[in-house]
Amino acid sequence: MALLNDEWQTLLKDYREYHDDPICEATHLVGIPMIMASLPAMIIPPVGLSMFAAGWTLQGIGHAVKGNPPKFFGDKRNLLVGAIWWFDTVLRPVGLAEPLFGKRA
């Protein structure tokens, strides 16, 4: 059984469709883990803040290319869905995403 219920699987599907431009996807594949890693790195503020700003800048570039605003502007849950999307995207080619997040709709 997947970790995500139907509601969260729908959020993940919507997030994936919203970020379907290859450049937007690439900027998010780099920017999201940079933001996630920046949080514990905040113990060294210049490092953490630089990583945080660079990660969000990359995502902003992706949305500028795609021509849409960040998805979390409409629903704050998408901040977490972005991290789930990243893990789903990275783990799916090696067969680990489906047991965790379910089949792609």
C-alpha atoms as a PDB file:
ATOM      1  CA  MET A   1       0.000   0.000   0.000  1.00  0.00           C
ATOM      2  CA  ALA A   2       1.302   3.442  -0.943  1.00  0.00           C
ATOM      3  CA  LEU A   3       2.159   6.037   1.686  1.00  0.00           C
ATOM      4  CA  LEU A   4      -0.087   8.588  -0.002  1.00  0.00           C
ATOM      5  CA  ASN A   5      -3.850   8.467   0.210  1.00  0.00           C
ATOM      6  CA  ASP A   6      -6.030   9.320  -2.797  1.00  0.00           C
ATOM      7  CA  GLU A   7      -6.072  13.033  -1.970  1.00  0.00           C
ATOM      8  CA  TRP A   8      -2.272  13.293  -1.807  1.00  0.00           C
ATOM      9  CA  GLN A   9      -1.852  11.134  -4.905  1.00  0.00           C
ATOM     10  CA  THR A  10      -4.123  13.612  -6.710  1.00  0.00           C
ATOM     11  CA  LEU A  11      -2.045  16.523  -5.402  1.00  0.00           C
ATOM     12  CA  LEU A  12       1.098  14.784  -6.674  1.00  0.00           C
ATOM     13  CA  LYS A  13      -0.485  14.127 -10.086  1.00  0.00           C
ATOM     14  CA  ASP A  14      -1.575  17.774 -10.355  1.00  0.00           C
ATOM     15  CA  TYR A  15       1.891  18.980  -9.311  1.00  0.00           C
ATOM     16  CA  ARG A  16       3.527  16.750 -11.923  1.00  0.00           C
ATOM     17  CA  GLU A  17       1.238  18.066 -14.679  1.00  0.00           C
ATOM     18  CA  TYR A  18       1.810  21.671 -13.559  1.00  0.00           C
ATOM     19  CA  HIS A  19       5.589  21.242 -13.853  1.00  0.00           C
ATOM     20  CA  ASP A  20       5.698  19.301 -17.124  1.00  0.00           C
ATOM     21  CA  ASP A  21       8.022  21.643 -19.038  1.00  0.00           C
ATOM     22  CA  PRO A  22      11.501  20.029 -19.258  1.00  0.00           C
ATOM     23  CA  ILE A  23      13.277  23.210 -18.126  1.00  0.00           C
ATOM     24  CA  CYS A  24      10.856  23.737 -15.242  1.00  0.00           C
ATOM     25  CA  GLU A  25      11.304  20.109 -14.226  1.00  0.00           C
ATOM     26  CA  ALA A  26      15.102  20.389 -14.392  1.00  0.00           C
ATOM     27  CA  THR A  27      15.192  23.551 -12.278  1.00  0.00           C
ATOM     28  CA  HIS A  28      12.964  21.865  -9.703  1.00  0.00           C
ATOM     29  CA  LEU A  29      15.052  18.677  -9.686  1.00  0.00           C
ATOM     30  CA  VAL A  30      18.021  20.813  -8.601  1.00  0.00           C
ATOM     31  CA  GLY A  31      16.230  23.546  -6.635  1.00  0.00           C
ATOM     32  CA  ILE A  32      14.037  21.400  -4.383  1.00  0.00           C
ATOM     33  CA  PRO A  33      16.850  19.338  -2.801  1.00  0.00           C
ATOM     34  CA  MET A  34      18.906  22.510  -2.504  1.00  0.00           C
ATOM     35  CA  ILE A  35      16.107  24.096  -0.462  1.00  0.00           C
ATOM     36  CA  MET A  36      15.649  20.945   1.630  1.00  0.00           C
ATOM     37  CA  ALA A  37      19.397  20.751   2.333  1.00  0.00           C
ATOM     38  CA  SER A  38      19.498  24.463   3.167  1.00  0.00           C
ATOM     39  CA  LEU A  39      17.275  24.009   6.209  1.00  0.00           C
ATOM     40  CA  PRO A  40      19.740  22.043   8.361  1.00  0.00           C
ATOM     41  CA  ALA A  41      22.561  24.085   6.810  1.00  0.00           C
ATOM     42  CA  MET A  42      21.068  27.169   8.482  1.00  0.00           C
ATOM     43  CA  ILE A  43      23.319  26.395  11.456  1.00  0.00           C
ATOM     44  CA  ILE A  44      25.913  28.129   9.266  1.00  0.00           C
ATOM     45  CA  PRO A  45      23.716  31.027   8.121  1.00  0.00           C
ATOM     46  CA  PRO A  46      25.729  32.201   5.098  1.00  0.00           C
ATOM     47  CA  VAL A  47      25.726  28.654   3.684  1.00  0.00           C
ATOM     48  CA  GLY A  48      22.102  27.878   4.485  1.00  0.00           C
ATOM     49  CA  LEU A  49      20.778  31.204   3.250  1.00  0.00           C
ATOM     50  CA  SER A  50      22.789  30.987   0.032  1.00  0.00           C
ATOM     51  CA  MET A  51      21.494  27.493  -0.691  1.00  0.00           C
ATOM     52  CA  PHE A  52      17.941  28.532   0.152  1.00  0.00           C
ATOM     53  CA  ALA A  53      18.078  31.580  -2.118  1.00  0.00           C
ATOM     54  CA  ALA A  54      19.715  29.661  -4.973  1.00  0.00           C
ATOM     55  CA  GLY A  55      17.129  26.871  -4.770  1.00  0.00           C
ATOM     56  CA  TRP A  56      14.206  29.290  -4.886  1.00  0.00           C
ATOM     57  CA  THR A  57      15.864  31.256  -7.687  1.00  0.00           C
ATOM     58  CA  LEU A  58      16.122  28.092  -9.770  1.00  0.00           C
ATOM     59  CA  GLN A  59      12.481  27.302  -9.172  1.00  0.00           C
ATOM     60  CA  GLY A  60      11.528  30.873 -10.070  1.00  0.00           C
ATOM     61  CA  ILE A  61      13.399  30.512 -13.352  1.00  0.00           C
ATOM     62  CA  GLY A  62      11.513  27.293 -14.057  1.00  0.00           C
ATOM     63  CA  HIS A  63       8.178  28.984 -13.443  1.00  0.00           C
ATOM     64  CA  ALA A  64       9.179  31.961 -15.599  1.00  0.00           C
ATOM     65  CA  VAL A  65       9.925  29.557 -18.453  1.00  0.00           C
ATOM     66  CA  LYS A  66       6.699  27.622 -17.887  1.00  0.00           C
ATOM     67  CA  GLY A  67       4.733  30.861 -17.489  1.00  0.00           C
ATOM     68  CA  ASN A  68       2.897  29.953 -14.315  1.00  0.00           C
ATOM     69  CA  PRO A  69       3.194  30.919 -10.650  1.00  0.00           C
ATOM     70  CA  PRO A  70       4.466  28.458  -8.030  1.00  0.00           C
ATOM     71  CA  LYS A  71       1.774  25.938  -7.168  1.00  0.00           C
ATOM     72  CA  PHE A  72       2.018  26.605  -3.423  1.00  0.00           C
ATOM     73  CA  PHE A  73       0.621  30.111  -3.974  1.00  0.00           C
ATOM     74  CA  GLY A  74      -2.778  28.429  -4.293  1.00  0.00           C
ATOM     75  CA  ASP A  75      -2.326  25.621  -1.748  1.00  0.00           C
ATOM     76  CA  LYS A  76       0.444  25.595   0.852  1.00  0.00           C
ATOM     77  CA  ARG A  77       0.408  21.785   0.909  1.00  0.00           C
ATOM     78  CA  ASN A  78       2.272  21.973  -2.389  1.00  0.00           C
ATOM     79  CA  LEU A  79       5.424  22.932  -0.486  1.00  0.00           C
ATOM     80  CA  LEU A  80       5.432  19.346   0.812  1.00  0.00           C
ATOM     81  CA  VAL A  81       4.110  17.933  -2.468  1.00  0.00           C
ATOM     82  CA  GLY A  82       7.156  19.439  -4.206  1.00  0.00           C
ATOM     83  CA  ALA A  83       9.455  17.357  -2.000  1.00  0.00           C
ATOM     84  CA  ILE A  84       7.299  14.277  -2.605  1.00  0.00           C
ATOM     85  CA  TRP A  85       7.411  14.979  -6.369  1.00  0.00           C
ATOM     86  CA  TRP A  86      11.207  15.147  -6.207  1.00  0.00           C
ATOM     87  CA  PHE A  87      11.488  11.789  -4.441  1.00  0.00           C
ATOM     88  CA  ASP A  88       8.899  10.269  -6.791  1.00  0.00           C
ATOM     89  CA  THR A  89      10.766  11.571  -9.854  1.00  0.00           C
ATOM     90  CA  VAL A  90      14.165  10.375  -8.645  1.00  0.00           C
ATOM     91  CA  LEU A  91      13.035   6.981  -7.305  1.00  0.00           C
ATOM     92  CA  ARG A  92      10.616   5.958 -10.076  1.00  0.00           C
ATOM     93  CA  PRO A  93      13.320   4.928 -12.615  1.00  0.00           C
ATOM     94  CA  VAL A  94      14.758   2.436 -10.107  1.00  0.00           C
ATOM     95  CA  GLY A  95      11.335   1.054  -9.181  1.00  0.00           C
ATOM     96  CA  LEU A  96      11.093   2.435  -5.649  1.00  0.00           C
ATOM     97  CA  ALA A  97       8.516   5.187  -6.169  1.00  0.00           C
ATOM     98  CA  GLU A  98       5.455   3.068  -6.907  1.00  0.00           C
ATOM     99  CA  PRO A  99       5.518   1.202  -3.558  1.00  0.00           C
ATOM    100  CA  LEU A 100       5.920   4.540  -1.765  1.00  0.00           C
ATOM    101  CA  PHE A 101       3.707   6.895  -3.754  1.00  0.00           C
ATOM    102  CA  GLY A 102       1.471   4.686  -5.865  1.00  0.00           C
ATOM    103  CA  LYS A 103       1.048   4.223  -9.588  1.00  0.00           C
ATOM    104  CA  ARG A 104       1.157   7.273 -11.795  1.00  0.00           C
ATOM    105  CA  ALA A 105      -2.307   8.203 -12.917  1.00  0.00           C
END
